[in-house]
C-alpha atoms as a PDB file:
ATOM      1  CA  MET A   1       0.070  -0.072  -0.008  1.00  0.00           C
ATOM      2  CA  ALA A   2       1.000   3.575  -0.530  1.00  0.00           C
ATOM      3  CA  LEU A   3      -0.148   7.042   0.468  1.00  0.00           C
ATOM      4  CA  SER A   4      -1.825   7.096  -2.964  1.00  0.00           C
ATOM      5  CA  ASP A   5      -4.096   4.432  -2.236  1.00  0.00           C
ATOM      6  CA  TYR A   6      -6.041   6.729   0.388  1.00  0.00           C
ATOM      7  CA  VAL A   7      -5.050  10.085  -0.946  1.00  0.00           C
ATOM      8  CA  ASN A   8      -5.616  11.641  -4.624  1.00  0.00           C
ATOM      9  CA  THR A   9      -1.732  12.424  -4.738  1.00  0.00           C
ATOM     10  CA  PHE A  10      -0.246  14.852  -7.719  1.00  0.00           C
ATOM     11  CA  GLY A  11       2.251  12.283  -8.498  1.00  0.00           C
ATOM     12  CA  GLN A  12      -0.211   9.635  -9.407  1.00  0.00           C
ATOM     13  CA  ASP A  13      -2.610  12.253 -11.264  1.00  0.00           C
ATOM     14  CA  LEU A  14       0.213  12.940 -13.646  1.00  0.00           C
ATOM     15  CA  LEU A  15       1.217   9.470 -14.072  1.00  0.00           C
ATOM     16  CA  GLN A  16      -2.458   8.499 -15.218  1.00  0.00           C
ATOM     17  CA  ARG A  17      -2.615  11.439 -17.254  1.00  0.00           C
ATOM     18  CA  TYR A  18       0.594  11.479 -19.139  1.00  0.00           C
ATOM     19  CA  GLY A  19       1.255   7.634 -19.160  1.00  0.00           C
ATOM     20  CA  GLN A  20       4.874   8.434 -17.515  1.00  0.00           C
ATOM     21  CA  ARG A  21       6.446  10.003 -14.754  1.00  0.00           C
ATOM     22  CA  VAL A  22       6.492  13.756 -14.581  1.00  0.00           C
ATOM     23  CA  HIS A  23       8.197  15.372 -11.715  1.00  0.00           C
ATOM     24  CA  LYS A  24       8.237  19.188 -10.765  1.00  0.00           C
ATOM     25  CA  LEU A  25      11.563  20.956 -11.146  1.00  0.00           C
ATOM     26  CA  ALA A  26      12.200  23.602  -8.774  1.00  0.00           C
ATOM     27  CA  ILE A  27      13.608  27.166  -9.949  1.00  0.00           C
ATOM     28  CA  ASN A  28      14.862  30.193  -8.178  1.00  0.00           C
ATOM     29  CA  ALA A  29      14.297  32.977 -10.700  1.00  0.00           C
ATOM     30  CA  GLY A  30      15.388  35.741  -8.393  1.00  0.00           C
ATOM     31  CA  PHE A  31      12.180  37.178  -7.039  1.00  0.00           C
ATOM     32  CA  THR A  32      11.743  38.833  -3.990  1.00  0.00           C
ATOM     33  CA  CYS A  33       8.441  39.725  -2.211  1.00  0.00           C
ATOM     34  CA  PRO A  34       6.293  42.729  -1.217  1.00  0.00           C
ATOM     35  CA  ASN A  35       6.280  41.873   2.343  1.00  0.00           C
ATOM     36  CA  ARG A  36      10.212  42.138   2.207  1.00  0.00           C
ATOM     37  CA  ASP A  37      11.180  44.977  -0.175  1.00  0.00           C
ATOM     38  CA  GLY A  38       8.957  47.539   1.694  1.00  0.00           C
ATOM     39  CA  SER A  39       6.010  48.096  -0.637  1.00  0.00           C
ATOM     40  CA  LYS A  40       3.857  46.041   2.069  1.00  0.00           C
ATOM     41  CA  GLY A  41       6.411  45.378   4.692  1.00  0.00           C
ATOM     42  CA  ARG A  42       9.618  44.670   5.817  1.00  0.00           C
ATOM     43  CA  GLY A  43      11.085  41.221   7.109  1.00  0.00           C
ATOM     44  CA  GLY A  44       8.655  39.133   5.195  1.00  0.00           C
ATOM     45  CA  CYS A  45       6.512  36.541   7.302  1.00  0.00           C
ATOM     46  CA  THR A  46       7.630  35.775  10.647  1.00  0.00           C
ATOM     47  CA  PHE A  47       8.228  31.995   9.877  1.00  0.00           C
ATOM     48  CA  CYS A  48       9.944  32.702   6.310  1.00  0.00           C
ATOM     49  CA  ASN A  49      13.542  31.817   5.755  1.00  0.00           C
ATOM     50  CA  ASN A  50      12.990  30.746   1.992  1.00  0.00           C
ATOM     51  CA  ALA A  51      15.720  28.031   2.316  1.00  0.00           C
ATOM     52  CA  SER A  52      13.420  25.982   4.539  1.00  0.00           C
ATOM     53  CA  PHE A  53      10.806  26.123   1.746  1.00  0.00           C
ATOM     54  CA  ASN A  54      12.908  26.006  -1.070  1.00  0.00           C
ATOM     55  CA  PRO A  55      15.807  23.579  -0.321  1.00  0.00           C
ATOM     56  CA  SER A  56      16.527  22.863  -4.026  1.00  0.00           C
ATOM     57  CA  ALA A  57      16.864  26.476  -5.243  1.00  0.00           C
ATOM     58  CA  ARG A  58      20.277  27.495  -6.340  1.00  0.00           C
ATOM     59  CA  GLU A  59      21.799  30.625  -7.519  1.00  0.00           C
ATOM     60  CA  SER A  60      22.235  30.132 -11.569  1.00  0.00           C
ATOM     61  CA  PRO A  61      22.870  32.209 -14.510  1.00  0.00           C
ATOM     62  CA  SER A  62      19.667  31.118 -16.153  1.00  0.00           C
ATOM     63  CA  VAL A  63      16.317  29.534 -15.915  1.00  0.00           C
ATOM     64  CA  ALA A  64      17.529  27.152 -18.634  1.00  0.00           C
ATOM     65  CA  ALA A  65      20.540  26.258 -16.824  1.00  0.00           C
ATOM     66  CA  GLN A  66      18.569  25.421 -13.784  1.00  0.00           C
ATOM     67  CA  ILE A  67      16.266  22.893 -15.812  1.00  0.00           C
ATOM     68  CA  GLU A  68      19.138  21.430 -17.409  1.00  0.00           C
ATOM     69  CA  ALA A  69      21.016  21.005 -14.084  1.00  0.00           C
ATOM     70  CA  GLY A  70      17.742  19.769 -12.322  1.00  0.00           C
ATOM     71  CA  ARG A  71      16.620  17.188 -15.027  1.00  0.00           C
ATOM     72  CA  ARG A  72      19.671  15.441 -14.828  1.00  0.00           C
ATOM     73  CA  VAL A  73      19.382  14.952 -11.169  1.00  0.00           C
ATOM     74  CA  LEU A  74      15.692  14.007 -11.400  1.00  0.00           C
ATOM     75  CA  ALA A  75      16.335  11.732 -14.573  1.00  0.00           C
ATOM     76  CA  ARG A  76      19.026   9.548 -12.449  1.00  0.00           C
ATOM     77  CA  ARG A  77      16.976   9.437  -9.125  1.00  0.00           C
ATOM     78  CA  THR A  78      13.646   8.833 -10.660  1.00  0.00           C
ATOM     79  CA  GLY A  79      13.904   8.159 -14.283  1.00  0.00           C
ATOM     80  CA  ALA A  80      11.421  11.172 -15.056  1.00  0.00           C
ATOM     81  CA  LYS A  81      11.627  12.451 -18.758  1.00  0.00           C
ATOM     82  CA  LYS A  82       9.001  14.921 -18.407  1.00  0.00           C
ATOM     83  CA  PHE A  83       8.888  17.980 -16.186  1.00  0.00           C
ATOM     84  CA  ILE A  84       6.686  20.912 -14.834  1.00  0.00           C
ATOM     85  CA  ALA A  85       8.943  24.166 -14.053  1.00  0.00           C
ATOM     86  CA  TYR A  86       8.089  25.125 -11.011  1.00  0.00           C
ATOM     87  CA  PHE A  87       8.768  28.637  -9.949  1.00  0.00           C
ATOM     88  CA  GLN A  88       9.131  28.312  -6.345  1.00  0.00           C
ATOM     89  CA  ALA A  89      11.103  30.733  -4.531  1.00  0.00           C
ATOM     90  CA  TYR A  90       9.355  33.764  -3.125  1.00  0.00           C
ATOM     91  CA  THR A  91       6.828  35.478  -5.150  1.00  0.00           C
ATOM     92  CA  ASN A  92       6.644  34.246  -8.699  1.00  0.00           C
ATOM     93  CA  THR A  93       4.499  36.951 -10.143  1.00  0.00           C
ATOM     94  CA  TYR A  94       5.827  39.736  -8.419  1.00  0.00           C
ATOM     95  CA  ALA A  95       7.338  41.630 -11.825  1.00  0.00           C
ATOM     96  CA  ASP A  96       6.101  43.286 -14.968  1.00  0.00           C
ATOM     97  CA  VAL A  97       4.157  40.957 -17.097  1.00  0.00           C
ATOM     98  CA  GLU A  98       6.564  41.192 -20.139  1.00  0.00           C
ATOM     99  CA  TYR A  99       9.404  40.109 -17.536  1.00  0.00           C
ATOM    100  CA  LEU A 100       7.184  37.129 -16.268  1.00  0.00           C
ATOM    101  CA  ALA A 101       6.595  36.083 -20.100  1.00  0.00           C
ATOM    102  CA  GLN A 102      10.485  36.053 -20.973  1.00  0.00           C
ATOM    103  CA  LEU A 103      10.997  33.821 -17.874  1.00  0.00           C
ATOM    104  CA  TYR A 104       8.233  31.645 -18.573  1.00  0.00           C
ATOM    105  CA  ASP A 105       9.154  31.292 -22.179  1.00  0.00           C
ATOM    106  CA  GLU A 106      12.672  30.212 -21.188  1.00  0.00           C
ATOM    107  CA  ALA A 107      11.116  27.292 -19.176  1.00  0.00           C
ATOM    108  CA  VAL A 108       8.798  25.906 -21.643  1.00  0.00           C
ATOM    109  CA  ALA A 109      11.229  26.347 -24.293  1.00  0.00           C
ATOM    110  CA  ASP A 110      12.861  22.869 -23.375  1.00  0.00           C
ATOM    111  CA  SER A 111      10.677  20.251 -25.126  1.00  0.00           C
ATOM    112  CA  ASP A 112      10.977  18.162 -22.216  1.00  0.00           C
ATOM    113  CA  VAL A 113       8.889  20.671 -20.029  1.00  0.00           C
ATOM    114  CA  VAL A 114       5.258  20.261 -20.137  1.00  0.00           C
ATOM    115  CA  GLY A 115       4.034  22.730 -17.827  1.00  0.00           C
ATOM    116  CA  LEU A 116       4.279  25.762 -15.437  1.00  0.00           C
ATOM    117  CA  SER A 117       3.535  25.788 -11.885  1.00  0.00           C
ATOM    118  CA  VAL A 118       3.819  29.201 -10.248  1.00  0.00           C
ATOM    119  CA  GLY A 119       4.006  29.884  -6.722  1.00  0.00           C
ATOM    120  CA  THR A 120       2.638  33.413  -5.503  1.00  0.00           C
ATOM    121  CA  ARG A 121       0.727  35.447  -3.003  1.00  0.00           C
ATOM    122  CA  PRO A 122      -2.994  36.034  -3.276  1.00  0.00           C
ATOM    123  CA  ASP A 123      -2.112  40.003  -3.521  1.00  0.00           C
ATOM    124  CA  CYS A 124       0.295  39.821  -6.423  1.00  0.00           C
ATOM    125  CA  VAL A 125      -1.685  38.187  -9.326  1.00  0.00           C
ATOM    126  CA  PRO A 126      -3.269  41.098 -11.405  1.00  0.00           C
ATOM    127  CA  ASP A 127      -5.570  40.064 -14.369  1.00  0.00           C
ATOM    128  CA  GLN A 128      -2.846  40.280 -16.672  1.00  0.00           C
ATOM    129  CA  VAL A 129      -0.759  37.752 -15.087  1.00  0.00           C
ATOM    130  CA  LEU A 130      -3.817  35.581 -14.960  1.00  0.00           C
ATOM    131  CA  ASP A 131      -4.286  36.041 -18.795  1.00  0.00           C
ATOM    132  CA  LEU A 132      -0.665  35.141 -19.275  1.00  0.00           C
ATOM    133  CA  LEU A 133      -0.994  31.974 -17.579  1.00  0.00           C
ATOM    134  CA  VAL A 134      -4.338  31.120 -19.480  1.00  0.00           C
ATOM    135  CA  ASP A 135      -2.168  31.805 -22.570  1.00  0.00           C
ATOM    136  CA  TYR A 136       0.046  29.023 -21.564  1.00  0.00           C
ATOM    137  CA  GLN A 137      -2.475  26.605 -20.784  1.00  0.00           C
ATOM    138  CA  ASN A 138      -4.426  27.458 -24.309  1.00  0.00           C
ATOM    139  CA  ARG A 139      -0.974  26.555 -25.933  1.00  0.00           C
ATOM    140  CA  GLY A 140      -1.550  23.177 -24.602  1.00  0.00           C
ATOM    141  CA  TYR A 141       0.934  23.367 -21.167  1.00  0.00           C
ATOM    142  CA  GLU A 142      -0.139  22.181 -17.976  1.00  0.00           C
ATOM    143  CA  VAL A 143      -0.345  25.287 -15.676  1.00  0.00           C
ATOM    144  CA  TRP A 144      -0.823  25.430 -12.009  1.00  0.00           C
ATOM    145  CA  LEU A 145      -1.204  28.840  -9.892  1.00  0.00           C
ATOM    146  CA  GLU A 146       0.014  28.102  -6.599  1.00  0.00           C
ATOM    147  CA  LEU A 147      -1.371  30.455  -3.829  1.00  0.00           C
ATOM    148  CA  GLY A 148       0.130  30.629  -0.558  1.00  0.00           C
ATOM    149  CA  LEU A 149      -2.918  31.421   1.536  1.00  0.00           C
ATOM    150  CA  GLN A 150      -1.524  29.326   4.771  1.00  0.00           C
ATOM    151  CA  SER A 151      -4.751  30.286   6.794  1.00  0.00           C
ATOM    152  CA  ALA A 152      -8.205  31.780   5.979  1.00  0.00           C
ATOM    153  CA  PHE A 153      -8.286  33.498   9.206  1.00  0.00           C
ATOM    154  CA  ASP A 154      -7.327  37.117   9.287  1.00  0.00           C
ATOM    155  CA  LYS A 155      -6.055  36.956  12.695  1.00  0.00           C
ATOM    156  CA  ALA A 156      -3.554  34.181  12.142  1.00  0.00           C
ATOM    157  CA  LEU A 157      -2.029  35.857   8.667  1.00  0.00           C
ATOM    158  CA  ASP A 158      -1.550  39.107  10.972  1.00  0.00           C
ATOM    159  CA  LEU A 159       0.262  37.186  13.695  1.00  0.00           C
ATOM    160  CA  VAL A 160       2.610  36.104  11.013  1.00  0.00           C
ATOM    161  CA  ASN A 161       2.875  39.519   9.275  1.00  0.00           C
ATOM    162  CA  ARG A 162       1.534  37.873   6.371  1.00  0.00           C
ATOM    163  CA  GLY A 163       0.780  41.296   4.631  1.00  0.00           C
ATOM    164  CA  HIS A 164      -2.816  40.094   2.969  1.00  0.00           C
ATOM    165  CA  GLY A 165      -5.970  38.898   4.219  1.00  0.00           C
ATOM    166  CA  PHE A 166      -8.577  36.078   2.909  1.00  0.00           C
ATOM    167  CA  ALA A 167     -10.463  38.971   1.033  1.00  0.00           C
ATOM    168  CA  GLU A 168      -7.315  38.916  -1.578  1.00  0.00           C
ATOM    169  CA  TYR A 169      -7.370  35.177  -1.867  1.00  0.00           C
ATOM    170  CA  ARG A 170     -10.973  35.182  -2.293  1.00  0.00           C
ATOM    171  CA  GLN A 171     -10.527  38.083  -5.142  1.00  0.00           C
ATOM    172  CA  THR A 172      -7.733  36.169  -6.905  1.00  0.00           C
ATOM    173  CA  VAL A 173      -9.000  32.466  -6.772  1.00  0.00           C
ATOM    174  CA  LEU A 174     -12.536  33.489  -8.136  1.00  0.00           C
ATOM    175  CA  ALA A 175     -10.851  35.659 -11.058  1.00  0.00           C
ATOM    176  CA  ALA A 176      -8.506  32.328 -11.581  1.00  0.00           C
ATOM    177  CA  ARG A 177     -11.423  30.259 -11.649  1.00  0.00           C
ATOM    178  CA  LYS A 178     -13.559  31.979 -14.036  1.00  0.00           C
ATOM    179  CA  ARG A 179     -10.742  31.652 -16.455  1.00  0.00           C
ATOM    180  CA  GLY A 180     -10.565  28.076 -16.012  1.00  0.00           C
ATOM    181  CA  LEU A 181      -7.055  28.203 -14.423  1.00  0.00           C
ATOM    182  CA  PRO A 182      -6.350  25.248 -11.923  1.00  0.00           C
ATOM    183  CA  VAL A 183      -5.440  26.796  -8.420  1.00  0.00           C
ATOM    184  CA  CYS A 184      -3.524  24.729  -5.785  1.00  0.00           C
ATOM    185  CA  THR A 185      -3.856  26.485  -2.303  1.00  0.00           C
ATOM    186  CA  HIS A 186      -1.273  26.373   0.276  1.00  0.00           C
ATOM    187  CA  LEU A 187      -2.520  25.808   3.937  1.00  0.00           C
ATOM    188  CA  ILE A 188      -0.051  25.527   7.143  1.00  0.00           C
ATOM    189  CA  ILE A 189      -1.253  23.582   9.993  1.00  0.00           C
ATOM    190  CA  GLY A 190      -0.214  24.849  13.213  1.00  0.00           C
ATOM    191  CA  MET A 191      -0.489  28.416  12.848  1.00  0.00           C
ATOM    192  CA  PRO A 192      -0.011  30.639  15.678  1.00  0.00           C
ATOM    193  CA  GLY A 193      -3.290  30.316  17.901  1.00  0.00           C
ATOM    194  CA  GLU A 194      -4.658  27.855  15.742  1.00  0.00           C
ATOM    195  CA  GLY A 195      -5.535  24.110  16.065  1.00  0.00           C
ATOM    196  CA  ARG A 196      -7.634  21.441  14.602  1.00  0.00           C
ATOM    197  CA  HIS A 197     -10.702  23.394  14.446  1.00  0.00           C
ATOM    198  CA  GLU A 198      -9.275  26.454  12.391  1.00  0.00           C
ATOM    199  CA  ALA A 199      -7.448  23.810  10.228  1.00  0.00           C
ATOM    200  CA  LEU A 200     -10.712  22.510   9.288  1.00  0.00           C
ATOM    201  CA  GLU A 201     -12.491  25.557   8.922  1.00  0.00           C
ATOM    202  CA  SER A 202      -9.670  27.164   6.629  1.00  0.00           C
ATOM    203  CA  LEU A 203     -10.416  24.103   4.556  1.00  0.00           C
ATOM    204  CA  ASP A 204     -13.972  24.394   4.351  1.00  0.00           C
ATOM    205  CA  ARG A 205     -13.539  28.216   3.219  1.00  0.00           C
ATOM    206  CA  VAL A 206     -11.024  27.438   0.577  1.00  0.00           C
ATOM    207  CA  LEU A 207     -13.459  24.552  -0.652  1.00  0.00           C
ATOM    208  CA  ASP A 208     -16.401  26.527  -0.615  1.00  0.00           C
ATOM    209  CA  LEU A 209     -14.702  29.033  -3.335  1.00  0.00           C
ATOM    210  CA  GLY A 210     -13.358  26.186  -5.330  1.00  0.00           C
ATOM    211  CA  VAL A 211      -9.984  24.911  -5.659  1.00  0.00           C
ATOM    212  CA  ASP A 212      -8.128  22.094  -7.867  1.00  0.00           C
ATOM    213  CA  GLY A 213      -5.255  21.297  -5.871  1.00  0.00           C
ATOM    214  CA  LEU A 214      -4.126  21.609  -1.978  1.00  0.00           C
ATOM    215  CA  LYS A 215      -0.800  21.537  -0.184  1.00  0.00           C
ATOM    216  CA  LEU A 216      -0.487  21.017   3.507  1.00  0.00           C
ATOM    217  CA  HIS A 217       2.409  22.184   5.666  1.00  0.00           C
ATOM    218  CA  PRO A 218       3.571  21.760   9.390  1.00  0.00           C
ATOM    219  CA  LEU A 219       4.580  25.204  10.672  1.00  0.00           C
ATOM    220  CA  HIS A 220       7.876  24.666  11.503  1.00  0.00           C
ATOM    221  CA  VAL A 221      10.851  26.974  13.202  1.00  0.00           C
ATOM    222  CA  VAL A 222      13.935  27.676  11.380  1.00  0.00           C
ATOM    223  CA  LYS A 223      16.898  29.836  11.911  1.00  0.00           C
ATOM    224  CA  GLY A 224      17.035  33.565  10.950  1.00  0.00           C
ATOM    225  CA  THR A 225      13.340  34.060  11.542  1.00  0.00           C
ATOM    226  CA  GLU A 226      11.086  36.029  13.936  1.00  0.00           C
ATOM    227  CA  LEU A 227       9.146  32.821  14.667  1.00  0.00           C
ATOM    228  CA  ALA A 228      12.500  31.505  15.914  1.00  0.00           C
ATOM    229  CA  ASN A 229      12.765  34.255  18.378  1.00  0.00           C
ATOM    230  CA  GLN A 230       9.245  33.850  19.584  1.00  0.00           C
ATOM    231  CA  TRP A 231       9.589  29.990  19.760  1.00  0.00           C
ATOM    232  CA  ARG A 232      12.969  30.524  22.115  1.00  0.00           C
ATOM    233  CA  ARG A 233      10.770  32.821  24.179  1.00  0.00           C
ATOM    234  CA  GLY A 234       8.208  30.363  24.803  1.00  0.00           C
ATOM    235  CA  GLU A 235       5.881  32.265  22.735  1.00  0.00           C
ATOM    236  CA  TYR A 236       4.954  29.920  20.192  1.00  0.00           C
ATOM    237  CA  LYS A 237       4.785  26.098  20.731  1.00  0.00           C
ATOM    238  CA  THR A 238       5.391  23.919  17.557  1.00  0.00           C
ATOM    239  CA  LEU A 239       3.021  20.856  16.967  1.00  0.00           C
ATOM    240  CA  GLU A 240       3.490  17.325  18.195  1.00  0.00           C
ATOM    241  CA  TYR A 241       4.189  14.717  15.549  1.00  0.00           C
ATOM    242  CA  ASP A 242       0.774  12.640  16.411  1.00  0.00           C
ATOM    243  CA  ASP A 243      -1.091  15.851  16.245  1.00  0.00           C
ATOM    244  CA  TYR A 244      -0.103  16.816  12.570  1.00  0.00           C
ATOM    245  CA  LEU A 245      -0.752  13.606  11.485  1.00  0.00           C
ATOM    246  CA  SER A 246      -4.410  13.317  12.963  1.00  0.00           C
ATOM    247  CA  ILE A 247      -5.223  17.023  11.836  1.00  0.00           C
ATOM    248  CA  ALA A 248      -3.602  16.102   8.206  1.00  0.00           C
ATOM    249  CA  ALA A 249      -5.812  13.056   8.004  1.00  0.00           C
ATOM    250  CA  ASP A 250      -8.843  15.016   8.916  1.00  0.00           C
ATOM    251  CA  LEU A 251      -8.384  17.452   6.128  1.00  0.00           C
ATOM    252  CA  ILE A 252      -7.869  14.452   3.605  1.00  0.00           C
ATOM    253  CA  GLU A 253     -11.237  13.073   4.923  1.00  0.00           C
ATOM    254  CA  HIS A 254     -12.896  16.368   4.520  1.00  0.00           C
ATOM    255  CA  THR A 255     -11.530  17.031   0.944  1.00  0.00           C
ATOM    256  CA  PRO A 256     -13.487  15.925  -2.349  1.00  0.00           C
ATOM    257  CA  PRO A 257     -11.786  12.919  -3.962  1.00  0.00           C
ATOM    258  CA  GLU A 258     -11.385  15.194  -7.359  1.00  0.00           C
ATOM    259  CA  VAL A 259      -9.221  17.582  -5.644  1.00  0.00           C
ATOM    260  CA  VAL A 260      -5.610  16.672  -5.946  1.00  0.00           C
ATOM    261  CA  TYR A 261      -3.015  16.788  -3.134  1.00  0.00           C
ATOM    262  CA  HIS A 262       0.280  18.263  -4.399  1.00  0.00           C
ATOM    263  CA  ARG A 263       1.882  17.698  -1.053  1.00  0.00           C
ATOM    264  CA  ALA A 264       0.856  16.399   2.385  1.00  0.00           C
ATOM    265  CA  THR A 265       3.767  17.634   4.398  1.00  0.00           C
ATOM    266  CA  GLY A 266       6.753  20.092   3.970  1.00  0.00           C
ATOM    267  CA  THR A 267      10.126  19.261   5.123  1.00  0.00           C
ATOM    268  CA  CYS A 268      13.340  21.380   5.976  1.00  0.00           C
ATOM    269  CA  ALA A 269      16.840  20.815   5.958  1.00  0.00           C
ATOM    270  CA  PRO A 270      18.391  19.967   9.381  1.00  0.00           C
ATOM    271  CA  ASP A 271      21.047  22.479   9.403  1.00  0.00           C
ATOM    272  CA  ILE A 272      18.530  25.287   9.461  1.00  0.00           C
ATOM    273  CA  LEU A 273      15.674  23.368  11.303  1.00  0.00           C
ATOM    274  CA  LEU A 274      15.089  24.438  14.959  1.00  0.00           C
ATOM    275  CA  ALA A 275      11.851  22.541  15.728  1.00  0.00           C
ATOM    276  CA  PRO A 276      10.131  20.129  15.463  1.00  0.00           C
ATOM    277  CA  SER A 277      12.806  17.947  14.848  1.00  0.00           C
ATOM    278  CA  TRP A 278      10.275  15.419  12.756  1.00  0.00           C
ATOM    279  CA  CYS A 279       9.913  17.910   9.990  1.00  0.00           C
ATOM    280  CA  ALA A 280      13.075  16.831   8.634  1.00  0.00           C
ATOM    281  CA  LYS A 281      11.838  13.276   7.980  1.00  0.00           C
ATOM    282  CA  LYS A 282       9.517  13.700   5.088  1.00  0.00           C
ATOM    283  CA  TRP A 283       9.083   9.922   4.506  1.00  0.00           C
ATOM    284  CA  ALA A 284       8.296   9.335   7.818  1.00  0.00           C
ATOM    285  CA  VAL A 285       5.508  12.042   8.058  1.00  0.00           C
ATOM    286  CA  LEU A 286       4.050  10.859   4.771  1.00  0.00           C
ATOM    287  CA  ASN A 287       4.056   7.074   6.061  1.00  0.00           C
ATOM    288  CA  GLY A 288       2.770   8.408   9.308  1.00  0.00           C
ATOM    289  CA  ILE A 289      -0.416   9.938   7.584  1.00  0.00           C
ATOM    290  CA  GLU A 290      -0.703   6.859   5.445  1.00  0.00           C
ATOM    291  CA  ASP A 291      -0.847   4.833   8.906  1.00  0.00           C
ATOM    292  CA  GLU A 292      -3.135   7.290  10.350  1.00  0.00           C
ATOM    293  CA  LEU A 293      -5.583   6.752   7.339  1.00  0.00           C
ATOM    294  CA  LYS A 294      -5.264   3.057   7.174  1.00  0.00           C
ATOM    295  CA  SER A 295      -5.973   2.862  11.005  1.00  0.00           C
ATOM    296  CA  ARG A 296      -9.198   4.594  10.577  1.00  0.00           C
ATOM    297  CA  ARG A 297     -10.012   2.657   7.635  1.00  0.00           C
ATOM    298  CA  SER A 298     -10.550   5.855   6.031  1.00  0.00           C
ATOM    299  CA  TYR A 299      -9.272   7.610   2.954  1.00  0.00           C
ATOM    300  CA  GLN A 300      -9.845  10.951   1.030  1.00  0.00           C
ATOM    301  CA  GLY A 301     -13.456  12.208   1.013  1.00  0.00           C
ATOM    302  CA  ALA A 302     -14.797   9.598   3.458  1.00  0.00           C
ATOM    303  CA  ALA A 303     -16.114  12.270   5.997  1.00  0.00           C
ATOM    304  CA  ILE A 304     -18.151  13.897   2.970  1.00  0.00           C
ATOM    305  CA  GLU A 305     -19.521  10.431   2.261  1.00  0.00           C
ATOM    306  CA  ARG A 306     -20.441   9.799   6.012  1.00  0.00           C
ATOM    307  CA  SER A 307     -22.363  13.239   5.917  1.00  0.00           C
ATOM    308  CA  LEU A 308     -24.394  12.470   3.007  1.00  0.00           C
ATOM    309  CA  LEU A 309     -25.301   9.091   4.474  1.00  0.00           C
ATOM    310  CA  ALA A 310     -26.188  10.561   7.578  1.00  0.00           C
ATOM    311  CA  VAL A 311     -28.455  12.930   5.900  1.00  0.00           C
ATOM    312  CA  GLY A 312     -29.795  10.338   3.951  1.00  0.00           C
ATOM    313  CA  ASP A 313     -30.507   8.445   7.048  1.00  0.00           C
ATOM    314  CA  THR A 314     -32.759  11.316   8.403  1.00  0.00           C
ATOM    315  CA  THR A 315     -34.447  12.360   5.481  1.00  0.00           C
ATOM    316  CA  PRO A 316     -38.111  11.452   5.545  1.00  0.00           C
END
């Protein structure tokens, strides 16, 4: 058995649709963030040392060079021959649309790149950028807009100095879906002041607006961040391993089966990770989520099915 036996994973979804392995190839295109450069704030989010979310990013003279280097590694490791260019580091729509088009064009110029996945903030996706992404989709490329929401609660977003609220997410996701552009939303489990209830409510609010993919991350404390200072002062307590597994399984159970899980956990390099230590063990966490679902005899969408059955049992 594997996690994909219980969860609609992105890897298996791509395998079924393309008939072969397709892997994301992380790209650092040198972007910054409006919450760092002063346009919205300074210092970024309290949890953000981008190396923790982008461990494979590297300084490179060009997008093309990063793709060539990354494809060699992935081909040896996985045998993959097709790739999605994943613009991952910082805010990858935070530039003039003409410049974005140059970068994206450079990525898809490689014949083995079948698509683009663009990670960004909900407040940095104007209509011109959405139209640009739709153009790539119309040309036959796989295109995903990845929106870092993290929480649907403005209080939690304020606590981590996010610089936007749920309203900006709502506006952007509705505009993207109006154009038929697939959206993958990032949610962080363990945000300051949040527990199981808030995680489930965030999921519900995201699902209510419509979403095509999801990424789950545990909030972890890394060196060089304000969250690290708060953790040292005892102002923030990280999630226990078993609590993350349980909450992640809850969210998976409450997710419709057609929504694709691009990620069910996030990992961090041990040299910058402060806490919790289990965040350095990606496969242990994924196996733990699988075991949790297995022990419940559950799977993605099971809670929705139970609710529908309960309504049916009480209907006159």
